[in-house]
Amino acid sequence: MNYDEFVNEVQKYDNDADVAKLLGVLKDWKLNSENVVKLKSTIERFFGHSRIESEETHNHLYKLWSSFSTSAIGNIGGMTMNERLFWFGLFEQFDSCKSEAKKQLIYSKLSANT
């Protein structure tokens, strides 16, 4: 499951106010300057402090997030740039960059320039 697939799964439960907030954070991440480390911290804090109405929904989404986080964020150091772009659904955004500076922002976002 890549980032976009996780977002699509979260969207199925966005009738819950807290899940809708989570969805907003997930969608905004692709557009802001936060890197994957900050994303992980933000989402982990969300699951720890949210009040998702259904415990079943909370457990389901957290299980998916944990699996994604372990596979994508936990292993990001050994990935090629293409693998990082795939896992986080950023191919189109990267390919549409008109300047090297914008590409550098995505490299930074995906911990690829450290």
N, C-alpha and C. Protein backbone atom coordinates (compact mmCIF):
# COMPACT_ATOMS: atom_id res chain seq x y z
N MET A 1 0.85 -1.17 0.00
CA MET A 1 0.00 0.00 0.00
C MET A 1 0.90 1.23 0.00
N ASN A 2 0.73 2.09 -1.03
CA ASN A 2 1.49 3.33 -1.05
C ASN A 2 0.68 4.47 -0.40
N TYR A 3 1.24 5.65 -0.38
CA TYR A 3 0.62 6.79 0.30
C TYR A 3 -0.77 7.09 -0.26
N ASP A 4 -0.89 7.13 -1.57
CA ASP A 4 -2.18 7.44 -2.19
C ASP A 4 -3.24 6.39 -1.86
N GLU A 5 -2.84 5.15 -1.83
CA GLU A 5 -3.78 4.08 -1.47
C GLU A 5 -4.22 4.22 -0.02
N PHE A 6 -3.30 4.61 0.86
CA PHE A 6 -3.67 4.85 2.26
C PHE A 6 -4.65 6.01 2.35
N VAL A 7 -4.37 7.09 1.65
CA VAL A 7 -5.26 8.25 1.66
C VAL A 7 -6.65 7.85 1.16
N ASN A 8 -6.72 7.06 0.11
CA ASN A 8 -8.01 6.60 -0.41
C ASN A 8 -8.77 5.76 0.62
N GLU A 9 -8.06 4.95 1.38
CA GLU A 9 -8.71 4.15 2.42
C GLU A 9 -9.23 5.05 3.54
N VAL A 10 -8.44 6.03 3.94
CA VAL A 10 -8.88 6.98 4.98
C VAL A 10 -10.14 7.70 4.53
N GLN A 11 -10.19 8.06 3.26
CA GLN A 11 -11.33 8.80 2.71
C GLN A 11 -12.65 8.03 2.86
N LYS A 12 -12.59 6.73 2.90
CA LYS A 12 -13.79 5.91 3.06
C LYS A 12 -14.47 6.14 4.41
N TYR A 13 -13.72 6.67 5.38
CA TYR A 13 -14.23 6.84 6.74
C TYR A 13 -14.33 8.31 7.15
N ASP A 14 -14.30 9.22 6.17
CA ASP A 14 -14.23 10.64 6.51
C ASP A 14 -15.55 11.25 6.98
N ASN A 15 -16.58 10.42 7.19
CA ASN A 15 -17.81 10.92 7.81
C ASN A 15 -17.58 11.16 9.30
N ASP A 16 -16.52 10.58 9.86
CA ASP A 16 -16.09 10.84 11.24
C ASP A 16 -15.26 12.13 11.21
N ALA A 17 -15.55 13.07 12.10
CA ALA A 17 -14.88 14.38 12.09
C ALA A 17 -13.37 14.25 12.26
N ASP A 18 -12.92 13.37 13.14
CA ASP A 18 -11.48 13.23 13.34
C ASP A 18 -10.80 12.58 12.13
N VAL A 19 -11.46 11.65 11.50
CA VAL A 19 -10.91 11.04 10.29
C VAL A 19 -10.85 12.08 9.18
N ALA A 20 -11.84 12.95 9.11
CA ALA A 20 -11.82 14.03 8.11
C ALA A 20 -10.62 14.95 8.35
N LYS A 21 -10.28 15.22 9.61
CA LYS A 21 -9.09 16.03 9.92
C LYS A 21 -7.83 15.31 9.47
N LEU A 22 -7.77 14.01 9.75
CA LEU A 22 -6.63 13.21 9.31
C LEU A 22 -6.49 13.27 7.79
N LEU A 23 -7.59 13.12 7.10
CA LEU A 23 -7.58 13.18 5.64
C LEU A 23 -7.02 14.51 5.15
N GLY A 24 -7.44 15.60 5.79
CA GLY A 24 -6.93 16.91 5.42
C GLY A 24 -5.42 17.02 5.60
N VAL A 25 -4.92 16.49 6.71
CA VAL A 25 -3.47 16.51 6.97
C VAL A 25 -2.74 15.70 5.91
N LEU A 26 -3.27 14.54 5.58
CA LEU A 26 -2.63 13.67 4.59
C LEU A 26 -2.60 14.33 3.21
N LYS A 27 -3.68 14.96 2.82
CA LYS A 27 -3.73 15.61 1.51
C LYS A 27 -2.83 16.84 1.47
N ASP A 28 -2.80 17.60 2.56
CA ASP A 28 -1.97 18.81 2.61
C ASP A 28 -0.49 18.48 2.57
N TRP A 29 -0.10 17.31 3.07
CA TRP A 29 1.31 16.97 3.14
C TRP A 29 1.99 17.03 1.78
N LYS A 30 1.31 16.59 0.75
CA LYS A 30 1.92 16.60 -0.58
C LYS A 30 2.22 18.02 -1.07
N LEU A 31 1.52 18.99 -0.52
CA LEU A 31 1.68 20.36 -0.98
C LEU A 31 2.55 21.22 -0.08
N ASN A 32 2.82 20.76 1.14
CA ASN A 32 3.61 21.57 2.05
C ASN A 32 5.08 21.15 2.00
N SER A 33 5.90 21.76 2.85
CA SER A 33 7.34 21.49 2.80
C SER A 33 7.81 20.48 3.85
N GLU A 34 6.88 19.85 4.56
CA GLU A 34 7.27 18.89 5.58
C GLU A 34 7.86 17.63 4.96
N ASN A 35 8.88 17.08 5.64
CA ASN A 35 9.48 15.85 5.13
C ASN A 35 8.79 14.63 5.74
N VAL A 36 9.25 13.46 5.34
CA VAL A 36 8.60 12.22 5.79
C VAL A 36 8.74 11.99 7.29
N VAL A 37 9.81 12.49 7.88
CA VAL A 37 10.00 12.34 9.32
C VAL A 37 8.94 13.14 10.07
N LYS A 38 8.70 14.36 9.62
CA LYS A 38 7.66 15.19 10.23
C LYS A 38 6.28 14.58 9.99
N LEU A 39 6.06 14.06 8.79
CA LEU A 39 4.78 13.40 8.49
C LEU A 39 4.54 12.27 9.48
N LYS A 40 5.54 11.42 9.68
CA LYS A 40 5.38 10.30 10.60
C LYS A 40 5.04 10.78 11.99
N SER A 41 5.74 11.78 12.46
CA SER A 41 5.50 12.33 13.79
C SER A 41 4.09 12.89 13.91
N THR A 42 3.65 13.62 12.91
CA THR A 42 2.32 14.22 12.91
C THR A 42 1.23 13.15 12.95
N ILE A 43 1.36 12.13 12.12
CA ILE A 43 0.33 11.09 12.04
C ILE A 43 0.33 10.22 13.29
N GLU A 44 1.50 9.90 13.79
CA GLU A 44 1.57 9.12 15.03
C GLU A 44 0.92 9.89 16.18
N ARG A 45 1.19 11.18 16.27
CA ARG A 45 0.59 12.01 17.31
C ARG A 45 -0.93 12.07 17.12
N PHE A 46 -1.37 12.15 15.88
CA PHE A 46 -2.81 12.17 15.61
C PHE A 46 -3.47 10.91 16.15
N PHE A 47 -2.93 9.76 15.79
CA PHE A 47 -3.54 8.51 16.25
C PHE A 47 -3.50 8.38 17.77
N GLY A 48 -2.49 8.94 18.38
CA GLY A 48 -2.38 8.86 19.83
C GLY A 48 -3.34 9.77 20.57
N HIS A 49 -3.79 10.84 19.90
CA HIS A 49 -4.63 11.84 20.58
C HIS A 49 -6.00 12.03 19.95
N SER A 50 -6.31 11.31 18.91
CA SER A 50 -7.60 11.50 18.23
C SER A 50 -8.73 10.80 18.98
N ARG A 51 -9.91 11.18 18.63
CA ARG A 51 -11.10 10.56 19.22
C ARG A 51 -12.00 10.02 18.11
N ILE A 52 -11.41 9.17 17.28
CA ILE A 52 -12.18 8.54 16.22
C ILE A 52 -13.31 7.76 16.88
N GLU A 53 -14.52 7.99 16.40
CA GLU A 53 -15.71 7.44 17.06
C GLU A 53 -15.68 5.92 17.18
N SER A 54 -15.27 5.26 16.13
CA SER A 54 -15.27 3.79 16.13
C SER A 54 -13.87 3.27 16.42
N GLU A 55 -13.76 2.46 17.45
CA GLU A 55 -12.47 1.84 17.78
C GLU A 55 -12.02 0.94 16.63
N GLU A 56 -12.98 0.30 15.99
CA GLU A 56 -12.67 -0.57 14.85
C GLU A 56 -12.03 0.24 13.72
N THR A 57 -12.60 1.41 13.43
CA THR A 57 -12.04 2.28 12.38
C THR A 57 -10.65 2.75 12.78
N HIS A 58 -10.50 3.18 14.03
CA HIS A 58 -9.20 3.63 14.52
C HIS A 58 -8.16 2.52 14.34
N ASN A 59 -8.48 1.33 14.80
CA ASN A 59 -7.54 0.21 14.72
C ASN A 59 -7.20 -0.14 13.28
N HIS A 60 -8.21 -0.15 12.42
CA HIS A 60 -8.01 -0.47 11.01
C HIS A 60 -7.06 0.54 10.35
N LEU A 61 -7.36 1.82 10.53
CA LEU A 61 -6.53 2.85 9.89
C LEU A 61 -5.13 2.89 10.49
N TYR A 62 -5.03 2.69 11.80
CA TYR A 62 -3.71 2.71 12.42
C TYR A 62 -2.87 1.51 11.96
N LYS A 63 -3.50 0.37 11.79
CA LYS A 63 -2.79 -0.81 11.29
C LYS A 63 -2.25 -0.55 9.88
N LEU A 64 -3.07 0.06 9.03
CA LEU A 64 -2.63 0.38 7.68
C LEU A 64 -1.49 1.40 7.72
N TRP A 65 -1.66 2.43 8.56
CA TRP A 65 -0.62 3.46 8.68
C TRP A 65 0.69 2.82 9.15
N SER A 66 0.63 1.99 10.16
CA SER A 66 1.83 1.36 10.70
C SER A 66 2.55 0.54 9.64
N SER A 67 1.79 -0.19 8.86
CA SER A 67 2.38 -1.00 7.79
C SER A 67 3.04 -0.10 6.75
N PHE A 68 2.34 0.94 6.34
CA PHE A 68 2.89 1.88 5.37
C PHE A 68 4.15 2.54 5.93
N SER A 69 4.05 3.03 7.15
CA SER A 69 5.16 3.73 7.79
C SER A 69 6.41 2.85 7.88
N THR A 70 6.23 1.62 8.28
CA THR A 70 7.36 0.70 8.38
C THR A 70 7.99 0.46 7.02
N SER A 71 7.16 0.21 6.01
CA SER A 71 7.66 -0.10 4.67
C SER A 71 8.26 1.11 3.97
N ALA A 72 7.57 2.23 4.03
CA ALA A 72 7.98 3.40 3.25
C ALA A 72 8.93 4.32 4.02
N ILE A 73 8.56 4.70 5.22
CA ILE A 73 9.38 5.65 5.96
C ILE A 73 10.55 4.92 6.64
N GLY A 74 10.27 3.78 7.20
CA GLY A 74 11.32 3.03 7.88
C GLY A 74 12.44 2.56 6.97
N ASN A 75 12.14 2.36 5.72
CA ASN A 75 13.14 1.86 4.77
C ASN A 75 13.57 2.90 3.75
N ILE A 76 13.21 4.16 3.96
CA ILE A 76 13.46 5.18 2.94
C ILE A 76 14.94 5.38 2.64
N GLY A 77 15.78 5.17 3.63
CA GLY A 77 17.22 5.37 3.43
C GLY A 77 17.83 4.45 2.38
N GLY A 78 17.26 3.31 2.15
CA GLY A 78 17.79 2.36 1.17
C GLY A 78 17.08 2.41 -0.17
N MET A 79 16.22 3.39 -0.36
CA MET A 79 15.42 3.47 -1.60
C MET A 79 16.06 4.39 -2.63
N THR A 80 15.80 4.06 -3.90
CA THR A 80 16.15 4.98 -4.97
C THR A 80 15.13 6.12 -4.98
N MET A 81 15.42 7.16 -5.72
CA MET A 81 14.48 8.28 -5.81
C MET A 81 13.17 7.82 -6.44
N ASN A 82 13.24 6.98 -7.45
CA ASN A 82 12.00 6.49 -8.08
C ASN A 82 11.15 5.70 -7.09
N GLU A 83 11.78 4.90 -6.24
CA GLU A 83 11.03 4.16 -5.23
C GLU A 83 10.36 5.13 -4.26
N ARG A 84 11.06 6.16 -3.85
CA ARG A 84 10.50 7.16 -2.94
C ARG A 84 9.31 7.87 -3.59
N LEU A 85 9.48 8.24 -4.84
CA LEU A 85 8.38 8.91 -5.56
C LEU A 85 7.17 8.00 -5.66
N PHE A 86 7.39 6.71 -5.91
CA PHE A 86 6.28 5.75 -5.97
C PHE A 86 5.59 5.64 -4.62
N TRP A 87 6.35 5.34 -3.57
CA TRP A 87 5.75 5.12 -2.25
C TRP A 87 4.92 6.30 -1.79
N PHE A 88 5.33 7.52 -2.15
CA PHE A 88 4.62 8.71 -1.67
C PHE A 88 3.77 9.38 -2.74
N GLY A 89 3.61 8.73 -3.90
CA GLY A 89 2.72 9.22 -4.93
C GLY A 89 3.10 10.61 -5.46
N LEU A 90 4.40 10.82 -5.64
CA LEU A 90 4.87 12.15 -6.06
C LEU A 90 5.49 12.18 -7.45
N PHE A 91 5.29 11.14 -8.25
CA PHE A 91 5.86 11.12 -9.60
C PHE A 91 5.40 12.32 -10.42
N GLU A 92 4.10 12.53 -10.49
CA GLU A 92 3.57 13.62 -11.31
C GLU A 92 4.07 14.97 -10.84
N GLN A 93 4.04 15.18 -9.54
CA GLN A 93 4.50 16.45 -8.99
C GLN A 93 5.99 16.66 -9.32
N PHE A 94 6.79 15.63 -9.19
CA PHE A 94 8.22 15.72 -9.47
C PHE A 94 8.45 15.98 -10.96
N ASP A 95 7.75 15.24 -11.80
CA ASP A 95 7.94 15.39 -13.25
C ASP A 95 7.48 16.75 -13.76
N SER A 96 6.55 17.37 -13.05
CA SER A 96 6.04 18.67 -13.52
C SER A 96 6.85 19.85 -12.99
N CYS A 97 7.87 19.58 -12.18
CA CYS A 97 8.71 20.67 -11.66
C CYS A 97 9.42 21.38 -12.81
N LYS A 98 9.26 22.67 -12.84
CA LYS A 98 9.87 23.48 -13.91
C LYS A 98 11.26 23.96 -13.52
N SER A 99 11.60 23.91 -12.26
CA SER A 99 12.91 24.40 -11.82
C SER A 99 13.60 23.37 -10.94
N GLU A 100 14.91 23.48 -10.89
CA GLU A 100 15.69 22.61 -10.03
C GLU A 100 15.36 22.87 -8.56
N ALA A 101 15.03 24.10 -8.23
CA ALA A 101 14.69 24.45 -6.84
C ALA A 101 13.45 23.69 -6.38
N LYS A 102 12.46 23.55 -7.25
CA LYS A 102 11.24 22.81 -6.88
C LYS A 102 11.55 21.33 -6.73
N LYS A 103 12.42 20.81 -7.57
CA LYS A 103 12.82 19.40 -7.43
C LYS A 103 13.56 19.20 -6.11
N GLN A 104 14.38 20.17 -5.73
CA GLN A 104 15.11 20.08 -4.48
C GLN A 104 14.16 20.01 -3.28
N LEU A 105 13.03 20.70 -3.36
CA LEU A 105 12.03 20.63 -2.30
C LEU A 105 11.49 19.22 -2.14
N ILE A 106 11.27 18.55 -3.27
CA ILE A 106 10.78 17.17 -3.21
C ILE A 106 11.88 16.23 -2.71
N TYR A 107 13.13 16.46 -3.16
CA TYR A 107 14.23 15.66 -2.63
C TYR A 107 14.27 15.79 -1.11
N SER A 108 14.14 17.01 -0.62
CA SER A 108 14.16 17.25 0.82
C SER A 108 12.98 16.57 1.51
N LYS A 109 11.79 16.71 0.92
CA LYS A 109 10.57 16.11 1.47
C LYS A 109 10.74 14.61 1.65
N LEU A 110 11.46 13.98 0.71
CA LEU A 110 11.63 12.53 0.72
C LEU A 110 12.98 12.10 1.29
N SER A 111 13.63 13.01 2.01
CA SER A 111 14.93 12.72 2.66
C SER A 111 15.94 12.17 1.68
N ALA A 112 15.97 12.74 0.48
CA ALA A 112 16.86 12.25 -0.56
C ALA A 112 18.08 13.15 -0.77
N ASN A 113 18.15 14.25 -0.05
CA ASN A 113 19.28 15.16 -0.26
C ASN A 113 20.13 15.33 0.99
N THR A 114 20.09 14.35 1.85
CA THR A 114 20.89 14.47 3.07
C THR A 114 22.12 13.60 3.02
